[in-house]
Amino acid sequence: QPDITPGQCWCFRGFSGQVVIKLPARIWPTAITVHHVSRADSPHGSSSSSTPKDITVSGLDEGGEATLLGTFSYDLGGEALQVSPLKNTRNQAFPYIQVSIQNNWGNTEYTCLYRVQVHG
């Protein structure tokens, strides 16, 4: 969803988790964008420890077989919207994308994921 108002996120328990996104059509993924609340929009005017840190992205085929497309770290001191290129070495189109949050910036109770966009 386009709303990235503080609190309007997919919040999951703990510091790691994953989500599988069914794409409207099979695509050859080339990049992923992760958008988090900016410091200016944060109620406390600071970055949140619940922000995802290390992220792994995989393409999934219809059978659920995963192909690693990339790993990157969300830069807490960077822009709210961050784009990372993906490597699709198999040159394969996927109907699903799996986004795995390996950890966050220090919150042990929960992690908030706001907006993810897949480009291809």
Protein backbone atom coordinates (compact mmCIF):
# COMPACT_ATOMS: atom_id res chain seq x y z
CA GLN A 1 0.00 0.00 0.00
CA PRO A 2 1.21 3.53 -0.65
CA ASP A 3 0.57 4.74 2.93
CA ILE A 4 3.77 5.01 4.97
CA THR A 5 2.29 6.94 7.88
CA PRO A 6 4.02 5.97 11.14
CA GLY A 7 2.33 2.86 12.50
CA GLN A 8 0.77 1.84 9.15
CA CYS A 9 3.17 -1.03 8.60
CA TRP A 10 3.37 -4.79 8.60
CA CYS A 11 4.67 -5.28 12.12
CA PHE A 12 5.91 -8.71 13.12
CA ARG A 13 7.16 -10.10 16.41
CA GLY A 14 10.90 -10.29 16.90
CA PHE A 15 13.79 -9.06 14.80
CA SER A 16 13.46 -11.43 11.84
CA GLY A 17 10.66 -12.56 9.55
CA GLN A 18 9.65 -13.01 5.95
CA VAL A 19 6.85 -12.21 3.57
CA VAL A 20 6.01 -13.75 0.20
CA ILE A 21 4.49 -11.38 -2.36
CA LYS A 22 2.37 -12.76 -5.19
CA LEU A 23 3.08 -10.60 -8.22
CA PRO A 24 0.29 -9.64 -10.64
CA ALA A 25 2.31 -11.25 -13.45
CA ARG A 26 5.54 -13.21 -13.79
CA ILE A 27 8.48 -10.78 -13.97
CA TRP A 28 12.25 -10.78 -14.33
CA PRO A 29 13.12 -8.89 -11.15
CA THR A 30 15.90 -6.32 -11.54
CA ALA A 31 15.63 -4.25 -8.34
CA ILE A 32 13.74 -3.88 -5.10
CA THR A 33 12.77 -0.72 -3.23
CA VAL A 34 12.26 -0.64 0.52
CA HIS A 35 10.54 2.45 1.87
CA HIS A 36 10.53 3.22 5.59
CA VAL A 37 9.27 6.20 7.57
CA SER A 38 11.69 9.12 7.26
CA ARG A 39 13.18 10.80 10.31
CA ALA A 40 11.15 13.92 9.49
CA ASP A 41 7.90 11.90 9.57
CA SER A 42 8.81 9.95 12.70
CA PRO A 43 6.88 11.01 15.82
CA HIS A 44 10.16 11.23 17.74
CA GLY A 45 12.19 12.80 14.91
CA SER A 46 14.66 9.93 14.94
CA SER A 47 15.28 6.64 13.19
CA SER A 48 13.58 3.61 14.64
CA SER A 49 15.32 0.54 16.02
CA SER A 50 12.45 -1.50 14.49
CA THR A 51 13.61 -0.60 10.96
CA PRO A 52 14.72 -3.65 8.90
CA LYS A 53 18.51 -3.87 8.58
CA ASP A 54 19.75 -6.89 6.61
CA ILE A 55 17.38 -8.08 3.88
CA THR A 56 17.47 -11.10 1.56
CA VAL A 57 15.35 -11.26 -1.60
CA SER A 58 14.50 -14.47 -3.45
CA GLY A 59 12.35 -15.34 -6.42
CA LEU A 60 9.99 -18.27 -5.96
CA ASP A 61 8.64 -20.50 -8.73
CA GLU A 62 5.17 -22.09 -8.65
CA GLY A 63 6.55 -25.03 -6.66
CA GLY A 64 8.05 -22.79 -4.00
CA GLU A 65 11.67 -23.34 -5.07
CA ALA A 66 13.69 -20.27 -4.12
CA THR A 67 16.37 -18.53 -6.17
CA LEU A 68 18.48 -16.00 -4.27
CA LEU A 69 18.32 -12.65 -6.05
CA GLY A 70 20.21 -10.46 -3.62
CA THR A 71 21.05 -9.30 -0.14
CA PHE A 72 21.43 -5.74 1.06
CA SER A 73 21.35 -3.59 4.18
CA TYR A 74 18.87 -0.79 4.70
CA ASP A 75 20.97 2.28 5.59
CA LEU A 76 19.36 3.82 8.66
CA GLY A 77 21.16 7.11 7.99
CA GLY A 78 20.16 7.18 4.30
CA GLU A 79 17.06 8.19 2.41
CA ALA A 80 13.68 6.77 3.45
CA LEU A 81 13.29 5.14 0.02
CA GLN A 82 16.21 2.85 -0.87
CA VAL A 83 16.65 0.88 -4.11
CA SER A 84 18.86 -2.18 -4.38
CA PRO A 85 19.69 -3.98 -7.64
CA LEU A 86 18.97 -7.69 -7.87
CA LYS A 87 20.99 -10.36 -9.69
CA ASN A 88 18.85 -12.79 -11.63
CA THR A 89 21.60 -15.14 -12.83
CA ARG A 90 19.07 -17.65 -14.18
CA ASN A 91 17.32 -14.97 -16.29
CA GLN A 92 14.08 -16.37 -15.00
CA ALA A 93 10.66 -14.80 -14.48
CA PHE A 94 9.04 -15.38 -11.09
CA PRO A 95 5.42 -15.27 -9.94
CA TYR A 96 6.43 -14.69 -6.29
CA ILE A 97 9.06 -12.68 -4.43
CA GLN A 98 10.17 -13.57 -0.92
CA VAL A 99 11.53 -10.76 1.25
CA SER A 100 13.34 -12.01 4.35
CA ILE A 101 14.30 -9.62 7.11
CA GLN A 102 17.35 -11.13 8.80
CA ASN A 103 17.49 -8.55 11.61
CA ASN A 104 16.61 -4.96 12.46
CA TRP A 105 18.42 -2.00 14.01
CA GLY A 106 18.17 -3.27 17.60
CA ASN A 107 14.53 -3.74 18.60
CA THR A 108 14.16 -7.27 20.00
CA GLU A 109 10.37 -7.09 20.38
CA TYR A 110 9.18 -6.22 16.85
CA THR A 111 10.13 -5.12 13.32
CA CYS A 112 8.14 -2.82 11.03
CA LEU A 113 8.11 -3.21 7.24
CA TYR A 114 6.33 -0.35 5.46
CA ARG A 115 6.54 -0.56 1.70
CA VAL A 116 8.30 -2.92 -0.70
CA GLN A 117 8.32 -2.47 -4.48
CA VAL A 118 9.64 -5.01 -6.96
CA HIS A 119 10.98 -3.73 -10.29
CA GLY A 120 11.42 -5.79 -13.41
